[in-house]
Amino acid sequence: MDILTASTITCPECGHAKEEEMPTNACQYFYECENCHTVLKPLQGDCCVFCSYGTVKCPPIQQDKPCCA
């Protein structure tokens, strides 16, 4: 299985979307939208901002592994 490391994050406040590289060895808990400067945090039940707002889940979740255990 190929692991994707790029995901497009879409800001729920302004709709701005940007492709970002995901870290493969850590969770990213915060992400600041470069358009409206809203700081995004994971939604309840998600481990990181990519799982909540990205087009691709984070690498550990893609591998069916616990994220940031």
PDB file of N, CA and C in Angstrom:
ATOM      1  N   MET A   1       0.839  -1.185   0.000  1.00  0.00           N
ATOM      2  CA  MET A   1       0.000   0.000   0.000  1.00  0.00           C
ATOM      3  C   MET A   1       0.883   1.248   0.000  1.00  0.00           C
ATOM      4  N   ASP A   2       0.615   2.145  -0.911  1.00  0.00           N
ATOM      5  CA  ASP A   2       1.345   3.408  -0.966  1.00  0.00           C
ATOM      6  C   ASP A   2       0.742   4.390   0.022  1.00  0.00           C
ATOM      7  N   ILE A   3       1.608   5.051   0.759  1.00  0.00           N
ATOM      8  CA  ILE A   3       1.173   6.054   1.728  1.00  0.00           C
ATOM      9  C   ILE A   3       1.279   7.426   1.080  1.00  0.00           C
ATOM     10  N   LEU A   4       0.180   8.156   1.106  1.00  0.00           N
ATOM     11  CA  LEU A   4       0.165   9.511   0.563  1.00  0.00           C
ATOM     12  C   LEU A   4       0.611  10.471   1.651  1.00  0.00           C
ATOM     13  N   THR A   5       1.463  11.410   1.299  1.00  0.00           N
ATOM     14  CA  THR A   5       1.959  12.373   2.287  1.00  0.00           C
ATOM     15  C   THR A   5       1.497  13.794   2.005  1.00  0.00           C
ATOM     16  N   ALA A   6       0.728  13.996   0.961  1.00  0.00           N
ATOM     17  CA  ALA A   6       0.186  15.325   0.654  1.00  0.00           C
ATOM     18  C   ALA A   6      -1.325  15.297   0.838  1.00  0.00           C
ATOM     19  N   SER A   7      -1.854  16.353   1.418  1.00  0.00           N
ATOM     20  CA  SER A   7      -3.283  16.469   1.644  1.00  0.00           C
ATOM     21  C   SER A   7      -3.670  17.933   1.475  1.00  0.00           C
ATOM     22  N   THR A   8      -4.828  18.176   0.917  1.00  0.00           N
ATOM     23  CA  THR A   8      -5.308  19.542   0.766  1.00  0.00           C
ATOM     24  C   THR A   8      -6.221  19.878   1.936  1.00  0.00           C
ATOM     25  N   ILE A   9      -5.804  20.847   2.739  1.00  0.00           N
ATOM     26  CA  ILE A   9      -6.597  21.289   3.879  1.00  0.00           C
ATOM     27  C   ILE A   9      -7.503  22.428   3.428  1.00  0.00           C
ATOM     28  N   THR A  10      -8.786  22.318   3.784  1.00  0.00           N
ATOM     29  CA  THR A  10      -9.748  23.367   3.469  1.00  0.00           C
ATOM     30  C   THR A  10     -10.241  23.984   4.764  1.00  0.00           C
ATOM     31  N   CYS A  11     -10.103  25.286   4.870  1.00  0.00           N
ATOM     32  CA  CYS A  11     -10.527  26.016   6.061  1.00  0.00           C
ATOM     33  C   CYS A  11     -12.057  26.062   6.117  1.00  0.00           C
ATOM     34  N   PRO A  12     -12.644  25.636   7.224  1.00  0.00           N
ATOM     35  CA  PRO A  12     -14.109  25.675   7.327  1.00  0.00           C
ATOM     36  C   PRO A  12     -14.665  27.087   7.505  1.00  0.00           C
ATOM     37  N   GLU A  13     -13.814  28.040   7.855  1.00  0.00           N
ATOM     38  CA  GLU A  13     -14.265  29.420   8.059  1.00  0.00           C
ATOM     39  C   GLU A  13     -14.375  30.198   6.753  1.00  0.00           C
ATOM     40  N   CYS A  14     -13.349  30.095   5.896  1.00  0.00           N
ATOM     41  CA  CYS A  14     -13.338  30.917   4.681  1.00  0.00           C
ATOM     42  C   CYS A  14     -13.315  30.105   3.388  1.00  0.00           C
ATOM     43  N   GLY A  15     -13.089  28.778   3.493  1.00  0.00           N
ATOM     44  CA  GLY A  15     -13.088  27.933   2.306  1.00  0.00           C
ATOM     45  C   GLY A  15     -11.759  27.875   1.570  1.00  0.00           C
ATOM     46  N   HIS A  16     -10.745  28.574   2.080  1.00  0.00           N
ATOM     47  CA  HIS A  16      -9.430  28.550   1.445  1.00  0.00           C
ATOM     48  C   HIS A  16      -8.855  27.137   1.520  1.00  0.00           C
ATOM     49  N   ALA A  17      -8.292  26.665   0.413  1.00  0.00           N
ATOM     50  CA  ALA A  17      -7.711  25.323   0.359  1.00  0.00           C
ATOM     51  C   ALA A  17      -6.253  25.413  -0.067  1.00  0.00           C
ATOM     52  N   LYS A  18      -5.421  24.588   0.566  1.00  0.00           N
ATOM     53  CA  LYS A  18      -4.002  24.565   0.226  1.00  0.00           C
ATOM     54  C   LYS A  18      -3.461  23.156   0.437  1.00  0.00           C
ATOM     55  N   GLU A  19      -2.667  22.691  -0.524  1.00  0.00           N
ATOM     56  CA  GLU A  19      -2.026  21.386  -0.373  1.00  0.00           C
ATOM     57  C   GLU A  19      -0.819  21.521   0.547  1.00  0.00           C
ATOM     58  N   GLU A  20      -0.729  20.621   1.503  1.00  0.00           N
ATOM     59  CA  GLU A  20       0.358  20.630   2.485  1.00  0.00           C
ATOM     60  C   GLU A  20       0.949  19.225   2.588  1.00  0.00           C
ATOM     61  N   GLU A  21       2.221  19.157   2.950  1.00  0.00           N
ATOM     62  CA  GLU A  21       2.867  17.882   3.233  1.00  0.00           C
ATOM     63  C   GLU A  21       2.564  17.505   4.680  1.00  0.00           C
ATOM     64  N   MET A  22       2.187  16.252   4.888  1.00  0.00           N
ATOM     65  CA  MET A  22       1.893  15.788   6.238  1.00  0.00           C
ATOM     66  C   MET A  22       3.152  15.232   6.883  1.00  0.00           C
ATOM     67  N   PRO A  23       3.342  15.482   8.174  1.00  0.00           N
ATOM     68  CA  PRO A  23       4.464  14.845   8.860  1.00  0.00           C
ATOM     69  C   PRO A  23       4.198  13.343   8.949  1.00  0.00           C
ATOM     70  N   THR A  24       5.234  12.560   8.825  1.00  0.00           N
ATOM     71  CA  THR A  24       5.067  11.110   8.900  1.00  0.00           C
ATOM     72  C   THR A  24       5.410  10.570  10.282  1.00  0.00           C
ATOM     73  N   ASN A  25       5.984  11.412  11.134  1.00  0.00           N
ATOM     74  CA  ASN A  25       6.420  10.935  12.443  1.00  0.00           C
ATOM     75  C   ASN A  25       5.783  11.690  13.606  1.00  0.00           C
ATOM     76  N   ALA A  26       4.774  12.502  13.341  1.00  0.00           N
ATOM     77  CA  ALA A  26       4.110  13.264  14.400  1.00  0.00           C
ATOM     78  C   ALA A  26       2.738  13.716  13.919  1.00  0.00           C
ATOM     79  N   CYS A  27       1.856  13.991  14.871  1.00  0.00           N
ATOM     80  CA  CYS A  27       0.544  14.550  14.541  1.00  0.00           C
ATOM     81  C   CYS A  27       0.659  16.069  14.451  1.00  0.00           C
ATOM     82  N   GLN A  28      -0.150  16.646  13.609  1.00  0.00           N
ATOM     83  CA  GLN A  28      -0.212  18.108  13.545  1.00  0.00           C
ATOM     84  C   GLN A  28      -1.544  18.520  14.151  1.00  0.00           C
ATOM     85  N   TYR A  29      -1.482  19.069  15.355  1.00  0.00           N
ATOM     86  CA  TYR A  29      -2.688  19.434  16.098  1.00  0.00           C
ATOM     87  C   TYR A  29      -3.245  20.791  15.705  1.00  0.00           C
ATOM     88  N   PHE A  30      -2.397  21.687  15.225  1.00  0.00           N
ATOM     89  CA  PHE A  30      -2.838  23.033  14.875  1.00  0.00           C
ATOM     90  C   PHE A  30      -2.411  23.364  13.459  1.00  0.00           C
ATOM     91  N   TYR A  31      -3.244  24.168  12.787  1.00  0.00           N
ATOM     92  CA  TYR A  31      -2.926  24.634  11.442  1.00  0.00           C
ATOM     93  C   TYR A  31      -3.550  26.010  11.287  1.00  0.00           C
ATOM     94  N   GLU A  32      -2.746  27.005  10.901  1.00  0.00           N
ATOM     95  CA  GLU A  32      -3.270  28.353  10.694  1.00  0.00           C
ATOM     96  C   GLU A  32      -3.561  28.576   9.223  1.00  0.00           C
ATOM     97  N   CYS A  33      -4.803  28.933   8.919  1.00  0.00           N
ATOM     98  CA  CYS A  33      -5.192  29.247   7.542  1.00  0.00           C
ATOM     99  C   CYS A  33      -4.428  30.488   7.102  1.00  0.00           C
ATOM    100  N   GLU A  34      -3.762  30.385   5.956  1.00  0.00           N
ATOM    101  CA  GLU A  34      -2.985  31.540   5.491  1.00  0.00           C
ATOM    102  C   GLU A  34      -3.868  32.657   4.956  1.00  0.00           C
ATOM    103  N   ASN A  35      -5.148  32.378   4.711  1.00  0.00           N
ATOM    104  CA  ASN A  35      -6.053  33.400   4.187  1.00  0.00           C
ATOM    105  C   ASN A  35      -6.718  34.203   5.303  1.00  0.00           C
ATOM    106  N   CYS A  36      -7.394  33.512   6.231  1.00  0.00           N
ATOM    107  CA  CYS A  36      -8.144  34.236   7.268  1.00  0.00           C
ATOM    108  C   CYS A  36      -7.493  34.143   8.650  1.00  0.00           C
ATOM    109  N   HIS A  37      -6.421  33.372   8.756  1.00  0.00           N
ATOM    110  CA  HIS A  37      -5.639  33.216   9.991  1.00  0.00           C
ATOM    111  C   HIS A  37      -6.379  32.506  11.123  1.00  0.00           C
ATOM    112  N   THR A  38      -7.465  31.808  10.788  1.00  0.00           N
ATOM    113  CA  THR A  38      -8.127  30.963  11.778  1.00  0.00           C
ATOM    114  C   THR A  38      -7.195  29.804  12.107  1.00  0.00           C
ATOM    115  N   VAL A  39      -7.078  29.484  13.397  1.00  0.00           N
ATOM    116  CA  VAL A  39      -6.263  28.346  13.809  1.00  0.00           C
ATOM    117  C   VAL A  39      -7.192  27.138  13.929  1.00  0.00           C
ATOM    118  N   LEU A  40      -6.934  26.140  13.087  1.00  0.00           N
ATOM    119  CA  LEU A  40      -7.737  24.926  13.084  1.00  0.00           C
ATOM    120  C   LEU A  40      -7.170  23.931  14.083  1.00  0.00           C
ATOM    121  N   LYS A  41      -8.068  23.218  14.750  1.00  0.00           N
ATOM    122  CA  LYS A  41      -7.713  22.130  15.663  1.00  0.00           C
ATOM    123  C   LYS A  41      -8.516  20.906  15.233  1.00  0.00           C
ATOM    124  N   PRO A  42      -8.045  19.704  15.552  1.00  0.00           N
ATOM    125  CA  PRO A  42      -8.799  18.503  15.154  1.00  0.00           C
ATOM    126  C   PRO A  42     -10.210  18.498  15.739  1.00  0.00           C
ATOM    127  N   LEU A  43     -11.143  17.972  14.971  1.00  0.00           N
ATOM    128  CA  LEU A  43     -12.499  17.794  15.469  1.00  0.00           C
ATOM    129  C   LEU A  43     -12.503  16.639  16.470  1.00  0.00           C
ATOM    130  N   GLN A  44     -13.492  16.610  17.334  1.00  0.00           N
ATOM    131  CA  GLN A  44     -13.576  15.546  18.321  1.00  0.00           C
ATOM    132  C   GLN A  44     -13.580  14.187  17.625  1.00  0.00           C
ATOM    133  N   GLY A  45     -12.725  13.290  18.096  1.00  0.00           N
ATOM    134  CA  GLY A  45     -12.616  11.951  17.515  1.00  0.00           C
ATOM    135  C   GLY A  45     -11.528  11.823  16.476  1.00  0.00           C
ATOM    136  N   ASP A  46     -10.979  12.943  16.022  1.00  0.00           N
ATOM    137  CA  ASP A  46      -9.884  12.918  15.050  1.00  0.00           C
ATOM    138  C   ASP A  46      -8.564  13.185  15.763  1.00  0.00           C
ATOM    139  N   CYS A  47      -7.481  12.654  15.187  1.00  0.00           N
ATOM    140  CA  CYS A  47      -6.181  12.782  15.840  1.00  0.00           C
ATOM    141  C   CYS A  47      -5.401  14.011  15.392  1.00  0.00           C
ATOM    142  N   CYS A  48      -5.724  14.566  14.219  1.00  0.00           N
ATOM    143  CA  CYS A  48      -4.944  15.689  13.712  1.00  0.00           C
ATOM    144  C   CYS A  48      -5.779  16.517  12.734  1.00  0.00           C
ATOM    145  N   VAL A  49      -5.248  17.662  12.335  1.00  0.00           N
ATOM    146  CA  VAL A  49      -5.981  18.544  11.424  1.00  0.00           C
ATOM    147  C   VAL A  49      -6.160  17.925  10.045  1.00  0.00           C
ATOM    148  N   PHE A  50      -5.238  17.062   9.630  1.00  0.00           N
ATOM    149  CA  PHE A  50      -5.387  16.423   8.318  1.00  0.00           C
ATOM    150  C   PHE A  50      -6.568  15.453   8.307  1.00  0.00           C
ATOM    151  N   CYS A  51      -6.784  14.749   9.423  1.00  0.00           N
ATOM    152  CA  CYS A  51      -7.917  13.831   9.503  1.00  0.00           C
ATOM    153  C   CYS A  51      -9.242  14.591   9.546  1.00  0.00           C
ATOM    154  N   SER A  52      -9.232  15.801  10.079  1.00  0.00           N
ATOM    155  CA  SER A  52     -10.456  16.598  10.182  1.00  0.00           C
ATOM    156  C   SER A  52     -10.746  17.433   8.938  1.00  0.00           C
ATOM    157  N   TYR A  53      -9.719  18.053   8.354  1.00  0.00           N
ATOM    158  CA  TYR A  53      -9.954  19.040   7.295  1.00  0.00           C
ATOM    159  C   TYR A  53      -9.251  18.722   5.974  1.00  0.00           C
ATOM    160  N   GLY A  54      -8.508  17.634   5.926  1.00  0.00           N
ATOM    161  CA  GLY A  54      -7.748  17.306   4.732  1.00  0.00           C
ATOM    162  C   GLY A  54      -8.467  16.357   3.798  1.00  0.00           C
ATOM    163  N   THR A  55      -7.964  16.284   2.582  1.00  0.00           N
ATOM    164  CA  THR A  55      -8.510  15.357   1.588  1.00  0.00           C
ATOM    165  C   THR A  55      -7.970  13.954   1.784  1.00  0.00           C
ATOM    166  N   VAL A  56      -6.870  13.834   2.535  1.00  0.00           N
ATOM    167  CA  VAL A  56      -6.237  12.546   2.800  1.00  0.00           C
ATOM    168  C   VAL A  56      -5.983  12.463   4.300  1.00  0.00           C
ATOM    169  N   LYS A  57      -6.318  11.327   4.899  1.00  0.00           N
ATOM    170  CA  LYS A  57      -6.039  11.113   6.324  1.00  0.00           C
ATOM    171  C   LYS A  57      -4.531  11.011   6.539  1.00  0.00           C
ATOM    172  N   CYS A  58      -4.082  11.199   7.778  1.00  0.00           N
ATOM    173  CA  CYS A  58      -2.655  11.169   8.087  1.00  0.00           C
ATOM    174  C   CYS A  58      -2.056   9.781   7.846  1.00  0.00           C
ATOM    175  N   PRO A  59      -0.725   9.698   7.649  1.00  0.00           N
ATOM    176  CA  PRO A  59      -0.075   8.428   7.331  1.00  0.00           C
ATOM    177  C   PRO A  59      -0.368   7.271   8.295  1.00  0.00           C
ATOM    178  N   PRO A  60      -0.341   7.465   9.623  1.00  0.00           N
ATOM    179  CA  PRO A  60      -0.655   6.316  10.490  1.00  0.00           C
ATOM    180  C   PRO A  60      -2.081   5.785  10.290  1.00  0.00           C
ATOM    181  N   ILE A  61      -3.036   6.674  10.111  1.00  0.00           N
ATOM    182  CA  ILE A  61      -4.417   6.253   9.897  1.00  0.00           C
ATOM    183  C   ILE A  61      -4.545   5.525   8.562  1.00  0.00           C
ATOM    184  N   GLN A  62      -3.813   5.979   7.534  1.00  0.00           N
ATOM    185  CA  GLN A  62      -3.815   5.289   6.238  1.00  0.00           C
ATOM    186  C   GLN A  62      -3.318   3.844   6.377  1.00  0.00           C
ATOM    187  N   GLN A  63      -2.440   3.609   7.347  1.00  0.00           N
ATOM    188  CA  GLN A  63      -1.858   2.283   7.566  1.00  0.00           C
ATOM    189  C   GLN A  63      -2.631   1.478   8.610  1.00  0.00           C
ATOM    190  N   ASP A  64      -3.788   1.986   9.040  1.00  0.00           N
ATOM    191  CA  ASP A  64      -4.586   1.338  10.092  1.00  0.00           C
ATOM    192  C   ASP A  64      -3.812   1.159  11.380  1.00  0.00           C
ATOM    193  N   LYS A  65      -2.977   2.141  11.703  1.00  0.00           N
ATOM    194  CA  LYS A  65      -2.204   2.135  12.936  1.00  0.00           C
ATOM    195  C   LYS A  65      -2.737   3.240  13.839  1.00  0.00           C
ATOM    196  N   PRO A  66      -2.530   3.100  15.146  1.00  0.00           N
ATOM    197  CA  PRO A  66      -2.937   4.215  16.024  1.00  0.00           C
ATOM    198  C   PRO A  66      -2.065   5.431  15.755  1.00  0.00           C
ATOM    199  N   CYS A  67      -2.701   6.572  15.711  1.00  0.00           N
ATOM    200  CA  CYS A  67      -1.969   7.816  15.451  1.00  0.00           C
ATOM    201  C   CYS A  67      -1.585   8.448  16.775  1.00  0.00           C
ATOM    202  N   CYS A  68      -0.333   8.785  16.910  1.00  0.00           N
ATOM    203  CA  CYS A  68       0.171   9.521  18.077  1.00  0.00           C
ATOM    204  C   CYS A  68      -0.127   8.832  19.388  1.00  0.00           C
ATOM    205  N   ALA A  69      -0.001   7.533  19.393  1.00  0.00           N
ATOM    206  CA  ALA A  69      -0.263   6.771  20.630  1.00  0.00           C
ATOM    207  C   ALA A  69       0.825   6.991  21.639  1.00  0.00           C
TER     208      ALA A  69
END
